[in-house]
Amino acid sequence: MTDKAYAYPPQMPPRRPTNSMAIVAIVLGIVSVFSCQLIGIGAIICGNRARAEIRASGEDGDGLALAGIITGWVSLALVALSLLVLVAYFAFFGLILAGSAAQS
């Protein structure tokens, strides 16, 4: 009999653990886009730190860390855009009020 019947499937190599800092980075990034945008700073810091740890240790999670960095920068861009709109809003109404005060 040349065919051997295996009772168990062949063993798969153990999976590398996911870096916990990468998980924190993606969670902070998602929360920062939908809630408090300033949390994006924490997502950027944790994501960069996680990528450095992943390069050193060989863990999984580089994509999660990169996604945390990207969502952190997106949330900070939303903060900057919001501040620009707010400044333009007050500048516009300041000009209107200054113009109407000068006409009176």
PDB file of N, CA and C in Angstrom:
ATOM      1  N   MET A   1       0.850  -1.161   0.000  1.00  0.00           N
ATOM      2  CA  MET A   1       0.000   0.000   0.000  1.00  0.00           C
ATOM      3  C   MET A   1       0.898   1.227   0.000  1.00  0.00           C
ATOM      4  N   THR A   2       0.826   2.007  -1.059  1.00  0.00           N
ATOM      5  CA  THR A   2       1.699   3.164  -1.189  1.00  0.00           C
ATOM      6  C   THR A   2       1.053   4.455  -0.689  1.00  0.00           C
ATOM      7  N   ASP A   3      -0.244   4.550  -0.704  1.00  0.00           N
ATOM      8  CA  ASP A   3      -0.918   5.752  -0.217  1.00  0.00           C
ATOM      9  C   ASP A   3      -1.085   5.670   1.290  1.00  0.00           C
ATOM     10  N   LYS A   4      -0.648   6.732   1.952  1.00  0.00           N
ATOM     11  CA  LYS A   4      -0.806   6.773   3.401  1.00  0.00           C
ATOM     12  C   LYS A   4      -2.004   7.651   3.724  1.00  0.00           C
ATOM     13  N   ALA A   5      -2.837   7.173   4.562  1.00  0.00           N
ATOM     14  CA  ALA A   5      -3.991   7.951   5.018  1.00  0.00           C
ATOM     15  C   ALA A   5      -3.580   8.677   6.293  1.00  0.00           C
ATOM     16  N   TYR A   6      -3.710   9.957   6.263  1.00  0.00           N
ATOM     17  CA  TYR A   6      -3.341  10.753   7.438  1.00  0.00           C
ATOM     18  C   TYR A   6      -4.557  10.931   8.333  1.00  0.00           C
ATOM     19  N   ALA A   7      -4.352  10.708   9.591  1.00  0.00           N
ATOM     20  CA  ALA A   7      -5.442  10.880  10.545  1.00  0.00           C
ATOM     21  C   ALA A   7      -5.663  12.362  10.849  1.00  0.00           C
ATOM     22  N   TYR A   8      -4.610  13.142  10.742  1.00  0.00           N
ATOM     23  CA  TYR A   8      -4.693  14.577  11.033  1.00  0.00           C
ATOM     24  C   TYR A   8      -4.169  15.361   9.836  1.00  0.00           C
ATOM     25  N   PRO A   9      -4.717  16.548   9.612  1.00  0.00           N
ATOM     26  CA  PRO A   9      -4.166  17.365   8.516  1.00  0.00           C
ATOM     27  C   PRO A   9      -2.764  17.842   8.875  1.00  0.00           C
ATOM     28  N   PRO A  10      -1.952  18.160   7.871  1.00  0.00           N
ATOM     29  CA  PRO A  10      -0.596  18.623   8.180  1.00  0.00           C
ATOM     30  C   PRO A  10      -0.637  19.916   8.997  1.00  0.00           C
ATOM     31  N   GLN A  11       0.342  20.057   9.846  1.00  0.00           N
ATOM     32  CA  GLN A  11       0.399  21.217  10.741  1.00  0.00           C
ATOM     33  C   GLN A  11       0.768  22.470   9.960  1.00  0.00           C
ATOM     34  N   MET A  12       0.066  23.551  10.239  1.00  0.00           N
ATOM     35  CA  MET A  12       0.389  24.851   9.662  1.00  0.00           C
ATOM     36  C   MET A  12       1.381  25.541  10.587  1.00  0.00           C
ATOM     37  N   PRO A  13       2.247  26.365  10.029  1.00  0.00           N
ATOM     38  CA  PRO A  13       3.169  27.084  10.913  1.00  0.00           C
ATOM     39  C   PRO A  13       2.391  28.060  11.787  1.00  0.00           C
ATOM     40  N   PRO A  14       2.880  28.310  12.978  1.00  0.00           N
ATOM     41  CA  PRO A  14       2.159  29.225  13.870  1.00  0.00           C
ATOM     42  C   PRO A  14       2.108  30.627  13.276  1.00  0.00           C
ATOM     43  N   ARG A  15       1.006  31.284  13.511  1.00  0.00           N
ATOM     44  CA  ARG A  15       0.802  32.628  12.979  1.00  0.00           C
ATOM     45  C   ARG A  15       1.523  33.647  13.839  1.00  0.00           C
ATOM     46  N   ARG A  16       2.095  34.644  13.183  1.00  0.00           N
ATOM     47  CA  ARG A  16       2.776  35.699  13.929  1.00  0.00           C
ATOM     48  C   ARG A  16       1.741  36.562  14.643  1.00  0.00           C
ATOM     49  N   PRO A  17       2.031  37.030  15.836  1.00  0.00           N
ATOM     50  CA  PRO A  17       1.058  37.860  16.555  1.00  0.00           C
ATOM     51  C   PRO A  17       0.949  39.247  15.917  1.00  0.00           C
ATOM     52  N   THR A  18      -0.211  39.842  16.067  1.00  0.00           N
ATOM     53  CA  THR A  18      -0.433  41.201  15.579  1.00  0.00           C
ATOM     54  C   THR A  18       0.039  42.185  16.635  1.00  0.00           C
ATOM     55  N   ASN A  19       0.747  43.205  16.199  1.00  0.00           N
ATOM     56  CA  ASN A  19       1.266  44.216  17.109  1.00  0.00           C
ATOM     57  C   ASN A  19       0.103  44.963  17.751  1.00  0.00           C
ATOM     58  N   SER A  20       0.090  45.030  19.073  1.00  0.00           N
ATOM     59  CA  SER A  20      -1.015  45.669  19.787  1.00  0.00           C
ATOM     60  C   SER A  20      -1.040  47.183  19.573  1.00  0.00           C
ATOM     61  N   MET A  21       0.123  47.795  19.381  1.00  0.00           N
ATOM     62  CA  MET A  21       0.162  49.231  19.130  1.00  0.00           C
ATOM     63  C   MET A  21      -0.475  49.558  17.780  1.00  0.00           C
ATOM     64  N   ALA A  22      -0.382  48.645  16.816  1.00  0.00           N
ATOM     65  CA  ALA A  22      -1.032  48.834  15.520  1.00  0.00           C
ATOM     66  C   ALA A  22      -2.543  48.808  15.667  1.00  0.00           C
ATOM     67  N   ILE A  23      -3.044  47.933  16.520  1.00  0.00           N
ATOM     68  CA  ILE A  23      -4.482  47.870  16.778  1.00  0.00           C
ATOM     69  C   ILE A  23      -4.946  49.155  17.441  1.00  0.00           C
ATOM     70  N   VAL A  24      -4.174  49.657  18.395  1.00  0.00           N
ATOM     71  CA  VAL A  24      -4.511  50.923  19.051  1.00  0.00           C
ATOM     72  C   VAL A  24      -4.516  52.060  18.029  1.00  0.00           C
ATOM     73  N   ALA A  25      -3.564  52.057  17.105  1.00  0.00           N
ATOM     74  CA  ALA A  25      -3.475  53.121  16.106  1.00  0.00           C
ATOM     75  C   ALA A  25      -4.705  53.137  15.209  1.00  0.00           C
ATOM     76  N   ILE A  26      -5.152  51.975  14.738  1.00  0.00           N
ATOM     77  CA  ILE A  26      -6.314  51.954  13.854  1.00  0.00           C
ATOM     78  C   ILE A  26      -7.584  52.317  14.606  1.00  0.00           C
ATOM     79  N   VAL A  27      -7.708  51.888  15.841  1.00  0.00           N
ATOM     80  CA  VAL A  27      -8.887  52.247  16.638  1.00  0.00           C
ATOM     81  C   VAL A  27      -8.914  53.760  16.877  1.00  0.00           C
ATOM     82  N   LEU A  28      -7.784  54.337  17.268  1.00  0.00           N
ATOM     83  CA  LEU A  28      -7.727  55.785  17.463  1.00  0.00           C
ATOM     84  C   LEU A  28      -7.995  56.535  16.163  1.00  0.00           C
ATOM     85  N   GLY A  29      -7.492  56.015  15.062  1.00  0.00           N
ATOM     86  CA  GLY A  29      -7.721  56.659  13.779  1.00  0.00           C
ATOM     87  C   GLY A  29      -9.190  56.676  13.395  1.00  0.00           C
ATOM     88  N   ILE A  30      -9.871  55.562  13.583  1.00  0.00           N
ATOM     89  CA  ILE A  30     -11.298  55.497  13.252  1.00  0.00           C
ATOM     90  C   ILE A  30     -12.103  56.400  14.172  1.00  0.00           C
ATOM     91  N   VAL A  31     -11.789  56.371  15.462  1.00  0.00           N
ATOM     92  CA  VAL A  31     -12.498  57.233  16.414  1.00  0.00           C
ATOM     93  C   VAL A  31     -12.244  58.697  16.096  1.00  0.00           C
ATOM     94  N   SER A  32     -11.031  59.028  15.673  1.00  0.00           N
ATOM     95  CA  SER A  32     -10.714  60.433  15.403  1.00  0.00           C
ATOM     96  C   SER A  32     -11.453  60.964  14.187  1.00  0.00           C
ATOM     97  N   VAL A  33     -11.727  60.118  13.207  1.00  0.00           N
ATOM     98  CA  VAL A  33     -12.458  60.587  12.022  1.00  0.00           C
ATOM     99  C   VAL A  33     -13.921  60.851  12.370  1.00  0.00           C
ATOM    100  N   PHE A  34     -14.513  60.026  13.220  1.00  0.00           N
ATOM    101  CA  PHE A  34     -15.931  60.141  13.500  1.00  0.00           C
ATOM    102  C   PHE A  34     -16.265  60.881  14.787  1.00  0.00           C
ATOM    103  N   SER A  35     -15.300  61.166  15.624  1.00  0.00           N
ATOM    104  CA  SER A  35     -15.590  61.792  16.908  1.00  0.00           C
ATOM    105  C   SER A  35     -14.713  63.015  17.096  1.00  0.00           C
ATOM    106  N   CYS A  36     -13.771  62.947  17.990  1.00  0.00           N
ATOM    107  CA  CYS A  36     -12.878  64.064  18.290  1.00  0.00           C
ATOM    108  C   CYS A  36     -11.650  63.978  17.396  1.00  0.00           C
ATOM    109  N   GLN A  37     -11.535  64.909  16.456  1.00  0.00           N
ATOM    110  CA  GLN A  37     -10.480  64.824  15.459  1.00  0.00           C
ATOM    111  C   GLN A  37      -9.081  64.972  16.046  1.00  0.00           C
ATOM    112  N   LEU A  38      -8.945  65.590  17.185  1.00  0.00           N
ATOM    113  CA  LEU A  38      -7.613  65.767  17.761  1.00  0.00           C
ATOM    114  C   LEU A  38      -7.020  64.462  18.279  1.00  0.00           C
ATOM    115  N   ILE A  39      -7.834  63.432  18.392  1.00  0.00           N
ATOM    116  CA  ILE A  39      -7.315  62.104  18.759  1.00  0.00           C
ATOM    117  C   ILE A  39      -6.428  61.574  17.638  1.00  0.00           C
ATOM    118  N   GLY A  40      -6.540  62.155  16.455  1.00  0.00           N
ATOM    119  CA  GLY A  40      -5.709  61.755  15.324  1.00  0.00           C
ATOM    120  C   GLY A  40      -4.225  61.878  15.618  1.00  0.00           C
ATOM    121  N   ILE A  41      -3.863  62.809  16.482  1.00  0.00           N
ATOM    122  CA  ILE A  41      -2.454  62.945  16.881  1.00  0.00           C
ATOM    123  C   ILE A  41      -1.973  61.653  17.534  1.00  0.00           C
ATOM    124  N   GLY A  42      -2.799  61.104  18.409  1.00  0.00           N
ATOM    125  CA  GLY A  42      -2.456  59.832  19.057  1.00  0.00           C
ATOM    126  C   GLY A  42      -2.374  58.685  18.071  1.00  0.00           C
ATOM    127  N   ALA A  43      -3.246  58.699  17.067  1.00  0.00           N
ATOM    128  CA  ALA A  43      -3.216  57.651  16.039  1.00  0.00           C
ATOM    129  C   ALA A  43      -1.926  57.719  15.238  1.00  0.00           C
ATOM    130  N   ILE A  44      -1.481  58.926  14.915  1.00  0.00           N
ATOM    131  CA  ILE A  44      -0.241  59.091  14.156  1.00  0.00           C
ATOM    132  C   ILE A  44       0.952  58.623  14.976  1.00  0.00           C
ATOM    133  N   ILE A  45       0.994  59.023  16.233  1.00  0.00           N
ATOM    134  CA  ILE A  45       2.113  58.641  17.099  1.00  0.00           C
ATOM    135  C   ILE A  45       2.146  57.123  17.305  1.00  0.00           C
ATOM    136  N   CYS A  46       0.995  56.540  17.623  1.00  0.00           N
ATOM    137  CA  CYS A  46       0.940  55.089  17.846  1.00  0.00           C
ATOM    138  C   CYS A  46       1.248  54.318  16.569  1.00  0.00           C
ATOM    139  N   GLY A  47       0.769  54.817  15.431  1.00  0.00           N
ATOM    140  CA  GLY A  47       1.031  54.138  14.166  1.00  0.00           C
ATOM    141  C   GLY A  47       2.503  54.129  13.807  1.00  0.00           C
ATOM    142  N   ASN A  48       3.171  55.262  13.990  1.00  0.00           N
ATOM    143  CA  ASN A  48       4.610  55.316  13.701  1.00  0.00           C
ATOM    144  C   ASN A  48       5.404  54.430  14.660  1.00  0.00           C
ATOM    145  N   ARG A  49       5.002  54.443  15.911  1.00  0.00           N
ATOM    146  CA  ARG A  49       5.687  53.595  16.895  1.00  0.00           C
ATOM    147  C   ARG A  49       5.465  52.113  16.588  1.00  0.00           C
ATOM    148  N   ALA A  50       4.236  51.778  16.180  1.00  0.00           N
ATOM    149  CA  ALA A  50       3.928  50.386  15.847  1.00  0.00           C
ATOM    150  C   ALA A  50       4.726  49.924  14.638  1.00  0.00           C
ATOM    151  N   ARG A  51       4.858  50.774  13.623  1.00  0.00           N
ATOM    152  CA  ARG A  51       5.632  50.380  12.439  1.00  0.00           C
ATOM    153  C   ARG A  51       7.100  50.148  12.798  1.00  0.00           C
ATOM    154  N   ALA A  52       7.646  50.964  13.709  1.00  0.00           N
ATOM    155  CA  ALA A  52       9.025  50.753  14.143  1.00  0.00           C
ATOM    156  C   ALA A  52       9.158  49.425  14.896  1.00  0.00           C
ATOM    157  N   GLU A  53       8.181  49.128  15.764  1.00  0.00           N
ATOM    158  CA  GLU A  53       8.211  47.861  16.502  1.00  0.00           C
ATOM    159  C   GLU A  53       8.071  46.669  15.553  1.00  0.00           C
ATOM    160  N   ILE A  54       7.220  46.813  14.542  1.00  0.00           N
ATOM    161  CA  ILE A  54       6.997  45.720  13.597  1.00  0.00           C
ATOM    162  C   ILE A  54       8.263  45.446  12.792  1.00  0.00           C
ATOM    163  N   ARG A  55       8.943  46.507  12.379  1.00  0.00           N
ATOM    164  CA  ARG A  55      10.211  46.308  11.642  1.00  0.00           C
ATOM    165  C   ARG A  55      11.243  45.608  12.513  1.00  0.00           C
ATOM    166  N   ALA A  56      11.242  45.919  13.809  1.00  0.00           N
ATOM    167  CA  ALA A  56      12.231  45.322  14.707  1.00  0.00           C
ATOM    168  C   ALA A  56      11.890  43.882  15.082  1.00  0.00           C
ATOM    169  N   SER A  57      10.592  43.589  15.284  1.00  0.00           N
ATOM    170  CA  SER A  57      10.216  42.275  15.800  1.00  0.00           C
ATOM    171  C   SER A  57       9.672  41.321  14.750  1.00  0.00           C
ATOM    172  N   GLY A  58       9.213  41.823  13.603  1.00  0.00           N
ATOM    173  CA  GLY A  58       8.656  40.958  12.581  1.00  0.00           C
ATOM    174  C   GLY A  58       7.215  40.561  12.825  1.00  0.00           C
ATOM    175  N   GLU A  59       6.505  41.271  13.688  1.00  0.00           N
ATOM    176  CA  GLU A  59       5.107  40.961  13.952  1.00  0.00           C
ATOM    177  C   GLU A  59       4.241  41.379  12.760  1.00  0.00           C
ATOM    178  N   ASP A  60       2.995  40.943  12.778  1.00  0.00           N
ATOM    179  CA  ASP A  60       2.009  41.375  11.803  1.00  0.00           C
ATOM    180  C   ASP A  60       1.395  42.699  12.261  1.00  0.00           C
ATOM    181  N   GLY A  61       0.710  43.371  11.343  1.00  0.00           N
ATOM    182  CA  GLY A  61      -0.020  44.580  11.697  1.00  0.00           C
ATOM    183  C   GLY A  61       0.493  45.839  11.041  1.00  0.00           C
ATOM    184  N   ASP A  62       1.387  45.712  10.059  1.00  0.00           N
ATOM    185  CA  ASP A  62       1.921  46.901   9.414  1.00  0.00           C
ATOM    186  C   ASP A  62       0.817  47.659   8.676  1.00  0.00           C
ATOM    187  N   GLY A  63      -0.100  46.941   8.057  1.00  0.00           N
ATOM    188  CA  GLY A  63      -1.216  47.586   7.363  1.00  0.00           C
ATOM    189  C   GLY A  63      -2.136  48.317   8.326  1.00  0.00           C
ATOM    190  N   LEU A  64      -2.367  47.721   9.492  1.00  0.00           N
ATOM    191  CA  LEU A  64      -3.193  48.389  10.501  1.00  0.00           C
ATOM    192  C   LEU A  64      -2.534  49.677  10.979  1.00  0.00           C
ATOM    193  N   ALA A  65      -1.232  49.614  11.200  1.00  0.00           N
ATOM    194  CA  ALA A  65      -0.505  50.801  11.653  1.00  0.00           C
ATOM    195  C   ALA A  65      -0.542  51.894  10.593  1.00  0.00           C
ATOM    196  N   LEU A  66      -0.356  51.512   9.338  1.00  0.00           N
ATOM    197  CA  LEU A  66      -0.397  52.484   8.250  1.00  0.00           C
ATOM    198  C   LEU A  66      -1.789  53.091   8.114  1.00  0.00           C
ATOM    199  N   ALA A  67      -2.818  52.283   8.258  1.00  0.00           N
ATOM    200  CA  ALA A  67      -4.187  52.799   8.203  1.00  0.00           C
ATOM    201  C   ALA A  67      -4.460  53.753   9.359  1.00  0.00           C
ATOM    202  N   GLY A  68      -3.907  53.468  10.533  1.00  0.00           N
ATOM    203  CA  GLY A  68      -4.048  54.381  11.667  1.00  0.00           C
ATOM    204  C   GLY A  68      -3.371  55.714  11.402  1.00  0.00           C
ATOM    205  N   ILE A  69      -2.190  55.661  10.782  1.00  0.00           N
ATOM    206  CA  ILE A  69      -1.482  56.903  10.443  1.00  0.00           C
ATOM    207  C   ILE A  69      -2.284  57.712   9.432  1.00  0.00           C
ATOM    208  N   ILE A  70      -2.800  57.051   8.408  1.00  0.00           N
ATOM    209  CA  ILE A  70      -3.550  57.751   7.360  1.00  0.00           C
ATOM    210  C   ILE A  70      -4.828  58.364   7.921  1.00  0.00           C
ATOM    211  N   THR A  71      -5.576  57.612   8.710  1.00  0.00           N
ATOM    212  CA  THR A  71      -6.811  58.161   9.268  1.00  0.00           C
ATOM    213  C   THR A  71      -6.515  59.273  10.267  1.00  0.00           C
ATOM    214  N   GLY A  72      -5.394  59.187  10.957  1.00  0.00           N
ATOM    215  CA  GLY A  72      -5.002  60.281  11.851  1.00  0.00           C
ATOM    216  C   GLY A  72      -4.723  61.559  11.087  1.00  0.00           C
ATOM    217  N   TRP A  73      -3.994  61.448   9.962  1.00  0.00           N
ATOM    218  CA  TRP A  73      -3.721  62.629   9.145  1.00  0.00           C
ATOM    219  C   TRP A  73      -4.993  63.169   8.509  1.00  0.00           C
ATOM    220  N   VAL A  74      -5.899  62.289   8.114  1.00  0.00           N
ATOM    221  CA  VAL A  74      -7.174  62.748   7.540  1.00  0.00           C
ATOM    222  C   VAL A  74      -7.958  63.536   8.575  1.00  0.00           C
ATOM    223  N   SER A  75      -7.996  63.045   9.799  1.00  0.00           N
ATOM    224  CA  SER A  75      -8.739  63.761  10.843  1.00  0.00           C
ATOM    225  C   SER A  75      -8.100  65.119  11.149  1.00  0.00           C
ATOM    226  N   LEU A  76      -6.766  65.189  11.127  1.00  0.00           N
ATOM    227  CA  LEU A  76      -6.120  66.485  11.349  1.00  0.00           C
ATOM    228  C   LEU A  76      -6.360  67.428  10.173  1.00  0.00           C
ATOM    229  N   ALA A  77      -6.453  66.890   8.966  1.00  0.00           N
ATOM    230  CA  ALA A  77      -6.798  67.729   7.811  1.00  0.00           C
ATOM    231  C   ALA A  77      -8.220  68.268   7.956  1.00  0.00           C
ATOM    232  N   LEU A  78      -9.124  67.458   8.507  1.00  0.00           N
ATOM    233  CA  LEU A  78     -10.481  67.934   8.748  1.00  0.00           C
ATOM    234  C   LEU A  78     -10.504  69.059   9.784  1.00  0.00           C
ATOM    235  N   VAL A  79      -9.641  68.955  10.796  1.00  0.00           N
ATOM    236  CA  VAL A  79      -9.534  70.030  11.793  1.00  0.00           C
ATOM    237  C   VAL A  79      -9.046  71.305  11.123  1.00  0.00           C
ATOM    238  N   ALA A  80      -8.017  71.205  10.298  1.00  0.00           N
ATOM    239  CA  ALA A  80      -7.477  72.384   9.624  1.00  0.00           C
ATOM    240  C   ALA A  80      -8.520  73.004   8.697  1.00  0.00           C
ATOM    241  N   LEU A  81      -9.234  72.172   7.971  1.00  0.00           N
ATOM    242  CA  LEU A  81     -10.274  72.669   7.076  1.00  0.00           C
ATOM    243  C   LEU A  81     -11.395  73.349   7.863  1.00  0.00           C
ATOM    244  N   SER A  82     -11.775  72.754   8.978  1.00  0.00           N
ATOM    245  CA  SER A  82     -12.815  73.350   9.820  1.00  0.00           C
ATOM    246  C   SER A  82     -12.374  74.705  10.353  1.00  0.00           C
ATOM    247  N   LEU A  83     -11.125  74.812  10.766  1.00  0.00           N
ATOM    248  CA  LEU A  83     -10.622  76.094  11.267  1.00  0.00           C
ATOM    249  C   LEU A  83     -10.591  77.145  10.159  1.00  0.00           C
ATOM    250  N   LEU A  84     -10.208  76.754   8.949  1.00  0.00           N
ATOM    251  CA  LEU A  84     -10.215  77.701   7.833  1.00  0.00           C
ATOM    252  C   LEU A  84     -11.627  78.186   7.520  1.00  0.00           C
ATOM    253  N   VAL A  85     -12.585  77.283   7.529  1.00  0.00           N
ATOM    254  CA  VAL A  85     -13.978  77.670   7.284  1.00  0.00           C
ATOM    255  C   VAL A  85     -14.470  78.587   8.390  1.00  0.00           C
ATOM    256  N   LEU A  86     -14.122  78.306   9.618  1.00  0.00           N
ATOM    257  CA  LEU A  86     -14.549  79.136  10.750  1.00  0.00           C
ATOM    258  C   LEU A  86     -13.945  80.530  10.663  1.00  0.00           C
ATOM    259  N   VAL A  87     -12.681  80.638  10.326  1.00  0.00           N
ATOM    260  CA  VAL A  87     -12.037  81.946  10.176  1.00  0.00           C
ATOM    261  C   VAL A  87     -12.669  82.719   9.018  1.00  0.00           C
ATOM    262  N   ALA A  88     -12.926  82.041   7.908  1.00  0.00           N
ATOM    263  CA  ALA A  88     -13.563  82.705   6.771  1.00  0.00           C
ATOM    264  C   ALA A  88     -14.972  83.166   7.115  1.00  0.00           C
ATOM    265  N   TYR A  89     -15.689  82.376   7.869  1.00  0.00           N
ATOM    266  CA  TYR A  89     -17.043  82.732   8.304  1.00  0.00           C
ATOM    267  C   TYR A  89     -17.031  84.008   9.131  1.00  0.00           C
ATOM    268  N   PHE A  90     -16.170  84.058  10.137  1.00  0.00           N
ATOM    269  CA  PHE A  90     -16.119  85.243  10.990  1.00  0.00           C
ATOM    270  C   PHE A  90     -15.558  86.452  10.239  1.00  0.00           C
ATOM    271  N   ALA A  91     -14.627  86.234   9.340  1.00  0.00           N
ATOM    272  CA  ALA A  91     -14.092  87.345   8.547  1.00  0.00           C
ATOM    273  C   ALA A  91     -15.180  87.913   7.640  1.00  0.00           C
ATOM    274  N   PHE A  92     -15.972  87.059   7.035  1.00  0.00           N
ATOM    275  CA  PHE A  92     -17.049  87.505   6.155  1.00  0.00           C
ATOM    276  C   PHE A  92     -18.074  88.333   6.918  1.00  0.00           C
ATOM    277  N   PHE A  93     -18.532  87.834   8.057  1.00  0.00           N
ATOM    278  CA  PHE A  93     -19.529  88.577   8.816  1.00  0.00           C
ATOM    279  C   PHE A  93     -18.930  89.802   9.496  1.00  0.00           C
ATOM    280  N   GLY A  94     -17.641  89.752   9.770  1.00  0.00           N
ATOM    281  CA  GLY A  94     -16.971  90.953  10.291  1.00  0.00           C
ATOM    282  C   GLY A  94     -16.938  92.048   9.248  1.00  0.00           C
ATOM    283  N   LEU A  95     -16.692  91.683   7.999  1.00  0.00           N
ATOM    284  CA  LEU A  95     -16.719  92.674   6.916  1.00  0.00           C
ATOM    285  C   LEU A  95     -18.114  93.230   6.693  1.00  0.00           C
ATOM    286  N   ILE A  96     -19.114  92.371   6.800  1.00  0.00           N
ATOM    287  CA  ILE A  96     -20.499  92.839   6.637  1.00  0.00           C
ATOM    288  C   ILE A  96     -20.855  93.814   7.754  1.00  0.00           C
ATOM    289  N   LEU A  97     -20.507  93.480   8.984  1.00  0.00           N
ATOM    290  CA  LEU A  97     -20.837  94.357  10.120  1.00  0.00           C
ATOM    291  C   LEU A  97     -20.043  95.661  10.027  1.00  0.00           C
ATOM    292  N   ALA A  98     -18.790  95.598   9.593  1.00  0.00           N
ATOM    293  CA  ALA A  98     -17.988  96.809   9.460  1.00  0.00           C
ATOM    294  C   ALA A  98     -18.556  97.694   8.355  1.00  0.00           C
ATOM    295  N   GLY A  99     -19.024  97.105   7.278  1.00  0.00           N
ATOM    296  CA  GLY A  99     -19.601  97.866   6.179  1.00  0.00           C
ATOM    297  C   GLY A  99     -20.914  98.524   6.563  1.00  0.00           C
ATOM    298  N   SER A 100     -21.748  97.790   7.334  1.00  0.00           N
ATOM    299  CA  SER A 100     -23.028  98.377   7.748  1.00  0.00           C
ATOM    300  C   SER A 100     -22.820  99.431   8.824  1.00  0.00           C
ATOM    301  N   ALA A 101     -21.795  99.322   9.644  1.00  0.00           N
ATOM    302  CA  ALA A 101     -21.520 100.337  10.664  1.00  0.00           C
ATOM    303  C   ALA A 101     -20.985 101.597  10.015  1.00  0.00           C
ATOM    304  N   ALA A 102     -20.237 101.460   8.911  1.00  0.00           N
ATOM    305  CA  ALA A 102     -19.684 102.612   8.224  1.00  0.00           C
ATOM    306  C   ALA A 102     -20.780 103.372   7.480  1.00  0.00           C
ATOM    307  N   GLN A 103     -21.824 102.695   7.044  1.00  0.00           N
ATOM    308  CA  GLN A 103     -22.909 103.341   6.322  1.00  0.00           C
ATOM    309  C   GLN A 103     -23.856 104.079   7.249  1.00  0.00           C
ATOM    310  N   SER A 104     -23.887 103.700   8.515  1.00  0.00           N
ATOM    311  CA  SER A 104     -24.834 104.317   9.447  1.00  0.00           C
ATOM    312  C   SER A 104     -24.462 105.703   9.845  1.00  0.00           C
TER     313      SER A 104
END
